[in-house]
């Protein structure tokens, strides 16, 4: 382990829209250093085989760049959307955001193509591992990490190890039932889950249902950032949409806190950049459901931002994310 700590690692983060990559230098005494950062479009709708080819190409390109700079990476760490077997590095399951990604032999294929040992884990677990060991959670014995963006994912980290679960899906907090989302269809094939109302697309759908204008002045569609700006500027419908989403997520966080009792909750992702209406509602929802002994549980914002999955993927290579 000490040798790989001194060598850089290639890290890849595979999501529904982009494949990010970077060379990671880990240091247990300080925040890891990342360089040679790059990203390419996932083009997930082209299917799993095409995505796997792009992943291999990204890894090989970074390996070539590192060697040209005089570095010899110790291995490759991968963070990927989907349910990942962290022992074999295979994709067990992926929803319709990544069609054809299920049953992909991810780590073994990349290892064969690049000639380097390769390990893979779920992207939210990678994000949580980065925050727990190097970011906002490093001073806490346990933390619940929740990423809120296009979807909602989570991980429970105890003593800096992630709870994996019997089927590799522990921490899927986006798929917890939520009264405000009753009967709303979820991407997982079920209904009524908090992701449908509190993730980015759900927030925009709520704004539209309230009668909000879904276009900018130039006619293009608004984004979550636009919605947040409108809320801050006084748009009452945007404020209401943010409040509904924030409260729903806060209530689920409070209920989950009652069950696992984390030392802190770490929030990250694009939706967490929302303004005061979302954050105030989140705290109200949390307070409405968390039992009194848990009411003061810190609600923290992640420190590593978009670098967390890359750092977590690299860290998993040298120090396994899960207890064995």
Protein backbone atom coordinates (compact mmCIF):
# COMPACT_ATOMS: atom_id res chain seq x y z
CA UNK A 1 0.00 0.00 0.00
CA UNK A 2 2.75 2.47 0.85
CA UNK A 3 4.31 2.12 -2.62
CA UNK A 4 1.04 2.87 -4.42
CA UNK A 5 0.51 5.84 -2.13
CA UNK A 6 3.70 7.34 -3.57
CA UNK A 7 2.71 6.69 -7.18
CA UNK A 8 -0.13 8.49 -8.94
CA UNK A 9 -3.30 6.65 -9.86
CA UNK A 10 -5.55 6.99 -12.87
CA UNK A 11 -9.10 7.75 -11.78
CA UNK A 12 -12.26 7.65 -13.88
CA UNK A 13 -15.78 8.76 -12.97
CA UNK A 14 -18.50 7.40 -15.28
CA UNK A 15 -21.88 9.13 -15.17
CA UNK A 16 -24.90 9.37 -17.39
CA UNK A 17 -23.68 12.52 -19.14
CA UNK A 18 -19.88 12.55 -18.88
CA UNK A 19 -16.81 10.45 -18.22
CA UNK A 20 -14.34 12.42 -16.09
CA UNK A 21 -10.72 11.41 -15.65
CA UNK A 22 -7.66 12.61 -13.81
CA UNK A 23 -4.30 11.65 -12.35
CA UNK A 24 -4.57 11.48 -8.56
CA UNK A 25 -1.74 11.83 -6.05
CA UNK A 26 -2.95 10.60 -2.66
CA UNK A 27 -1.55 11.90 0.62
CA UNK A 28 -3.12 10.79 3.91
CA UNK A 29 -1.90 13.98 5.58
CA UNK A 30 -3.50 16.44 3.16
CA UNK A 31 -6.05 16.83 0.40
CA UNK A 32 -5.12 14.71 -2.65
CA UNK A 33 -3.70 16.47 -5.68
CA UNK A 34 -5.36 16.02 -9.06
CA UNK A 35 -3.90 16.88 -12.44
CA UNK A 36 -4.43 16.12 -16.15
CA UNK A 37 -8.18 16.48 -15.65
CA UNK A 38 -10.37 15.77 -18.64
CA UNK A 39 -13.93 14.83 -19.52
CA UNK A 40 -15.74 13.43 -22.53
CA UNK A 41 -19.42 12.88 -23.22
CA UNK A 42 -20.75 9.49 -22.10
CA UNK A 43 -23.30 9.32 -24.93
CA UNK A 44 -25.04 6.70 -22.81
CA UNK A 45 -27.91 6.23 -25.26
CA UNK A 46 -25.48 4.55 -27.67
CA UNK A 47 -25.39 1.56 -25.34
CA UNK A 48 -23.09 -0.11 -22.85
CA UNK A 49 -20.54 -1.44 -25.34
CA UNK A 50 -19.97 2.01 -26.82
CA UNK A 51 -19.62 3.54 -23.35
CA UNK A 52 -17.12 0.87 -22.31
CA UNK A 53 -15.05 1.66 -25.39
CA UNK A 54 -15.00 5.35 -24.48
CA UNK A 55 -13.98 4.49 -20.91
CA UNK A 56 -11.05 2.40 -22.17
CA UNK A 57 -10.02 5.15 -24.56
CA UNK A 58 -10.11 7.75 -21.76
CA UNK A 59 -8.02 5.55 -19.49
CA UNK A 60 -5.46 4.81 -22.19
CA UNK A 61 -5.19 8.47 -23.20
CA UNK A 62 -4.52 9.49 -19.61
CA UNK A 63 -2.01 6.67 -19.16
CA UNK A 64 -0.13 7.86 -22.25
CA UNK A 65 -0.19 11.46 -21.02
CA UNK A 66 1.08 10.45 -17.57
CA UNK A 67 3.95 8.44 -19.00
CA UNK A 68 4.92 11.29 -21.31
CA UNK A 69 5.17 13.47 -18.20
CA UNK A 70 7.42 10.95 -16.48
CA UNK A 71 4.85 9.27 -14.22
CA UNK A 72 4.14 5.55 -13.98
CA UNK A 73 0.63 5.09 -12.51
CA UNK A 74 0.23 2.25 -10.04
CA UNK A 75 -3.24 1.34 -11.26
CA UNK A 76 -6.70 2.52 -12.22
CA UNK A 77 -9.62 3.34 -9.94
CA UNK A 78 -13.10 3.64 -11.44
CA UNK A 79 -16.25 5.26 -10.09
CA UNK A 80 -19.34 4.30 -12.07
CA UNK A 81 -23.07 4.77 -12.14
CA UNK A 82 -25.00 1.59 -11.47
CA UNK A 83 -24.83 -1.22 -8.95
CA UNK A 84 -21.18 -2.29 -8.94
CA UNK A 85 -19.67 -5.48 -7.54
CA UNK A 86 -16.57 -3.95 -5.88
CA UNK A 87 -14.82 -7.32 -5.66
CA UNK A 88 -14.94 -8.16 -9.37
CA UNK A 89 -15.54 -4.64 -10.64
CA UNK A 90 -18.54 -5.70 -12.76
CA UNK A 91 -21.72 -3.68 -13.28
CA UNK A 92 -24.55 -5.71 -11.75
CA UNK A 93 -27.36 -3.37 -12.74
CA UNK A 94 -27.99 0.06 -14.25
CA UNK A 95 -31.28 1.82 -14.88
CA UNK A 96 -32.48 3.45 -18.09
CA UNK A 97 -30.11 6.40 -17.64
CA UNK A 98 -27.36 3.97 -18.73
CA UNK A 99 -29.05 1.53 -21.17
CA UNK A 100 -27.08 -1.63 -21.78
CA UNK A 101 -24.66 -0.90 -18.93
CA UNK A 102 -25.93 -3.80 -16.80
CA UNK A 103 -23.66 -6.86 -16.73
CA UNK A 104 -20.68 -4.95 -18.14
CA UNK A 105 -17.28 -6.49 -17.13
CA UNK A 106 -15.96 -3.01 -16.37
CA UNK A 107 -12.77 -3.36 -14.33
CA UNK A 108 -11.48 -6.48 -16.10
CA UNK A 109 -11.94 -4.95 -19.55
CA UNK A 110 -10.13 -1.72 -18.63
CA UNK A 111 -7.35 -3.72 -16.95
CA UNK A 112 -6.84 -5.82 -20.05
CA UNK A 113 -6.85 -2.83 -22.40
CA UNK A 114 -4.46 -0.71 -20.33
CA UNK A 115 -2.29 -3.39 -18.74
CA UNK A 116 -2.79 -2.04 -15.21
CA UNK A 117 -4.62 -3.46 -12.18
CA UNK A 118 -8.07 -1.89 -11.96
CA UNK A 119 -10.75 -1.61 -9.29
CA UNK A 120 -14.26 -0.19 -9.54
CA UNK A 121 -17.04 0.89 -7.19
CA UNK A 122 -20.35 2.76 -7.37
CA UNK A 123 -20.06 6.47 -8.11
CA UNK A 124 -21.94 7.66 -5.02
CA UNK A 125 -19.89 5.30 -2.86
CA UNK A 126 -16.74 6.74 -4.42
CA UNK A 127 -18.01 10.25 -3.71
CA UNK A 128 -18.77 9.29 -0.10
CA UNK A 129 -15.38 7.64 0.37
CA UNK A 130 -13.61 10.77 -0.83
CA UNK A 131 -15.58 13.02 1.52
CA UNK A 132 -15.31 10.63 4.48
CA UNK A 133 -11.55 10.13 4.30
CA UNK A 134 -10.36 13.44 2.87
CA UNK A 135 -13.23 15.93 2.95
CA UNK A 136 -16.04 17.12 5.19
CA UNK A 137 -16.34 13.81 7.06
CA UNK A 138 -12.70 13.14 7.94
CA UNK A 139 -13.12 14.34 11.54
CA UNK A 140 -16.27 12.28 12.15
CA UNK A 141 -16.59 8.63 13.17
CA UNK A 142 -19.59 8.16 10.90
CA UNK A 143 -21.46 10.07 8.23
CA UNK A 144 -24.39 9.80 5.88
CA UNK A 145 -23.33 11.18 2.51
CA UNK A 146 -26.08 12.21 0.08
CA UNK A 147 -25.49 13.41 -3.46
CA UNK A 148 -28.37 15.39 -5.01
CA UNK A 149 -28.18 16.09 -8.72
CA UNK A 150 -29.88 14.43 -11.68
CA UNK A 151 -30.69 11.66 -9.23
CA UNK A 152 -30.22 11.13 -5.50
CA UNK A 153 -27.73 8.62 -4.11
CA UNK A 154 -26.26 8.00 -0.71
CA UNK A 155 -23.86 6.01 1.40
CA UNK A 156 -23.50 5.37 5.10
CA UNK A 157 -19.87 5.51 6.21
CA UNK A 158 -18.81 4.13 9.59
CA UNK A 159 -15.20 4.36 10.82
CA UNK A 160 -14.29 5.52 7.27
CA UNK A 161 -15.65 2.35 5.65
CA UNK A 162 -18.80 2.24 3.52
CA UNK A 163 -21.69 -0.03 4.41
CA UNK A 164 -22.03 -2.16 1.29
CA UNK A 165 -25.13 -4.26 1.92
CA UNK A 166 -25.88 -7.83 0.88
CA UNK A 167 -26.73 -6.78 -2.69
CA UNK A 168 -24.31 -3.83 -3.11
CA UNK A 169 -27.14 -1.24 -2.91
CA UNK A 170 -26.96 0.00 0.69
CA UNK A 171 -27.40 3.76 0.94
CA UNK A 172 -29.90 4.16 -1.92
CA UNK A 173 -31.67 6.96 -0.10
CA UNK A 174 -33.16 8.37 -3.31
CA UNK A 175 -35.40 5.31 -3.40
CA UNK A 176 -36.96 5.79 0.02
CA UNK A 177 -40.70 6.41 0.02
CA UNK A 178 -41.77 10.02 0.41
CA UNK A 179 -45.38 11.21 0.97
CA UNK A 180 -44.87 14.27 -1.26
CA UNK A 181 -43.96 11.96 -4.15
CA UNK A 182 -46.95 9.62 -3.78
CA UNK A 183 -47.74 7.73 -7.02
CA UNK A 184 -45.03 9.55 -8.98
CA UNK A 185 -43.11 7.04 -11.18
CA UNK A 186 -39.42 6.60 -10.36
CA UNK A 187 -36.57 5.68 -12.72
CA UNK A 188 -36.03 2.49 -10.72
CA UNK A 189 -39.42 1.17 -11.88
CA UNK A 190 -41.24 1.79 -8.60
CA UNK A 191 -43.12 4.90 -7.48
CA UNK A 192 -43.33 7.41 -4.65
CA UNK A 193 -39.58 7.73 -4.05
CA UNK A 194 -38.00 10.99 -2.91
CA UNK A 195 -35.76 11.19 -5.99
CA UNK A 196 -38.82 11.87 -8.16
CA UNK A 197 -39.53 15.17 -6.42
CA UNK A 198 -36.24 16.26 -4.84
CA UNK A 199 -33.64 15.57 -7.56
CA UNK A 200 -32.97 18.15 -10.28
CA UNK A 201 -35.47 16.89 -12.87
CA UNK A 202 -38.18 16.55 -10.22
CA UNK A 203 -37.56 20.08 -9.02
CA UNK A 204 -37.97 21.42 -12.56
CA UNK A 205 -41.08 19.28 -13.10
CA UNK A 206 -42.58 20.71 -9.92
CA UNK A 207 -41.92 24.25 -11.15
CA UNK A 208 -43.59 23.44 -14.46
CA UNK A 209 -46.62 21.91 -12.71
CA UNK A 210 -46.96 25.08 -10.64
CA UNK A 211 -47.17 27.09 -13.87
CA UNK A 212 -43.59 28.31 -14.08
CA UNK A 213 -42.06 29.50 -17.35
CA UNK A 214 -39.68 26.75 -18.49
CA UNK A 215 -37.76 28.90 -20.98
CA UNK A 216 -35.13 31.61 -20.87
CA UNK A 217 -35.53 34.84 -22.79
CA UNK A 218 -33.70 33.30 -25.76
CA UNK A 219 -36.16 30.40 -25.90
CA UNK A 220 -33.84 27.71 -24.55
CA UNK A 221 -34.93 25.51 -21.65
CA UNK A 222 -34.06 26.55 -18.11
CA UNK A 223 -31.76 24.56 -15.85
CA UNK A 224 -31.72 24.03 -12.11
CA UNK A 225 -29.28 26.92 -11.78
CA UNK A 226 -31.75 29.19 -13.60
CA UNK A 227 -34.50 28.08 -11.26
CA UNK A 228 -32.37 28.90 -8.24
CA UNK A 229 -31.60 32.34 -9.65
CA UNK A 230 -35.30 32.97 -10.23
CA UNK A 231 -36.10 31.96 -6.66
CA UNK A 232 -33.46 34.34 -5.32
CA UNK A 233 -34.84 37.10 -7.56
CA UNK A 234 -38.34 36.75 -6.11
CA UNK A 235 -40.11 34.27 -8.40
CA UNK A 236 -42.72 32.82 -6.05
CA UNK A 237 -43.27 29.67 -8.11
CA UNK A 238 -39.54 28.93 -8.14
CA UNK A 239 -39.44 29.49 -4.39
CA UNK A 240 -42.34 27.09 -3.89
CA UNK A 241 -40.73 24.41 -6.08
CA UNK A 242 -37.47 24.68 -4.17
CA UNK A 243 -39.28 24.59 -0.85
CA UNK A 244 -41.22 21.44 -1.79
CA UNK A 245 -38.07 19.65 -2.92
CA UNK A 246 -35.99 20.77 0.05
CA UNK A 247 -38.64 19.83 2.60
CA UNK A 248 -39.20 16.40 1.05
CA UNK A 249 -35.49 15.59 1.12
CA UNK A 250 -35.06 16.99 4.62
CA UNK A 251 -37.88 14.81 5.93
CA UNK A 252 -36.31 11.70 4.41
CA UNK A 253 -32.93 12.66 5.88
CA UNK A 254 -34.52 13.09 9.31
CA UNK A 255 -36.22 9.70 9.10
CA UNK A 256 -33.01 8.02 7.93
CA UNK A 257 -31.07 9.72 10.71
CA UNK A 258 -33.46 8.14 13.22
CA UNK A 259 -32.46 4.72 11.89
CA UNK A 260 -28.67 4.98 11.43
CA UNK A 261 -27.74 7.87 13.80
CA UNK A 262 -24.76 9.31 11.86
CA UNK A 263 -22.35 11.76 13.47
CA UNK A 264 -23.02 14.11 10.53
CA UNK A 265 -24.82 14.33 7.20
CA UNK A 266 -22.84 15.53 4.18
CA UNK A 267 -24.73 16.96 1.21
CA UNK A 268 -23.25 17.47 -2.23
CA UNK A 269 -24.30 17.75 -5.85
CA UNK A 270 -25.72 20.47 -8.08
CA UNK A 271 -29.05 20.82 -6.27
CA UNK A 272 -27.24 21.55 -3.00
CA UNK A 273 -26.06 24.79 -4.64
CA UNK A 274 -29.66 26.03 -4.43
CA UNK A 275 -30.45 29.14 -2.45
CA UNK A 276 -31.96 29.97 0.90
CA UNK A 277 -35.49 28.71 0.15
CA UNK A 278 -34.25 25.18 -0.53
CA UNK A 279 -31.92 25.12 2.47
CA UNK A 280 -34.47 26.55 4.87
CA UNK A 281 -37.04 23.98 3.73
CA UNK A 282 -34.47 21.19 4.05
CA UNK A 283 -33.84 22.13 7.67
CA UNK A 284 -37.59 22.34 8.38
CA UNK A 285 -38.17 18.90 6.88
CA UNK A 286 -35.28 17.45 8.83
CA UNK A 287 -36.50 18.99 12.08
CA UNK A 288 -40.01 17.67 11.49
CA UNK A 289 -38.82 14.04 11.38
CA UNK A 290 -35.56 13.71 13.34
CA UNK A 291 -36.10 12.66 16.95
CA UNK A 292 -35.01 15.10 19.64
CA UNK A 293 -31.62 13.45 20.42
CA UNK A 294 -30.75 13.74 16.70
CA UNK A 295 -32.06 17.24 16.02
CA UNK A 296 -28.60 18.82 16.27
CA UNK A 297 -26.91 16.41 13.82
CA UNK A 298 -24.70 18.64 11.63
CA UNK A 299 -25.90 19.11 8.05
CA UNK A 300 -22.67 19.80 6.16
CA UNK A 301 -21.84 20.68 2.58
CA UNK A 302 -19.23 18.51 0.87
CA UNK A 303 -15.74 20.01 0.57
CA UNK A 304 -14.40 18.17 -2.48
CA UNK A 305 -17.08 19.00 -5.04
CA UNK A 306 -16.78 17.20 -8.36
CA UNK A 307 -13.35 15.84 -7.43
CA UNK A 308 -14.78 13.60 -4.69
CA UNK A 309 -15.62 10.60 -6.96
CA UNK A 310 -12.17 10.68 -8.58
CA UNK A 311 -10.49 10.85 -5.18
CA UNK A 312 -12.72 8.08 -3.85
CA UNK A 313 -12.03 5.86 -6.87
CA UNK A 314 -8.29 6.27 -6.38
CA UNK A 315 -8.55 5.74 -2.62
CA UNK A 316 -10.52 2.52 -3.13
CA UNK A 317 -7.62 1.21 -5.19
CA UNK A 318 -5.14 1.51 -2.31
CA UNK A 319 -7.45 1.06 0.68
CA UNK A 320 -10.65 -0.85 0.01
CA UNK A 321 -13.81 1.14 0.65
CA UNK A 322 -15.59 -1.71 2.45
CA UNK A 323 -14.75 -3.85 5.45
CA UNK A 324 -13.95 -7.45 4.49
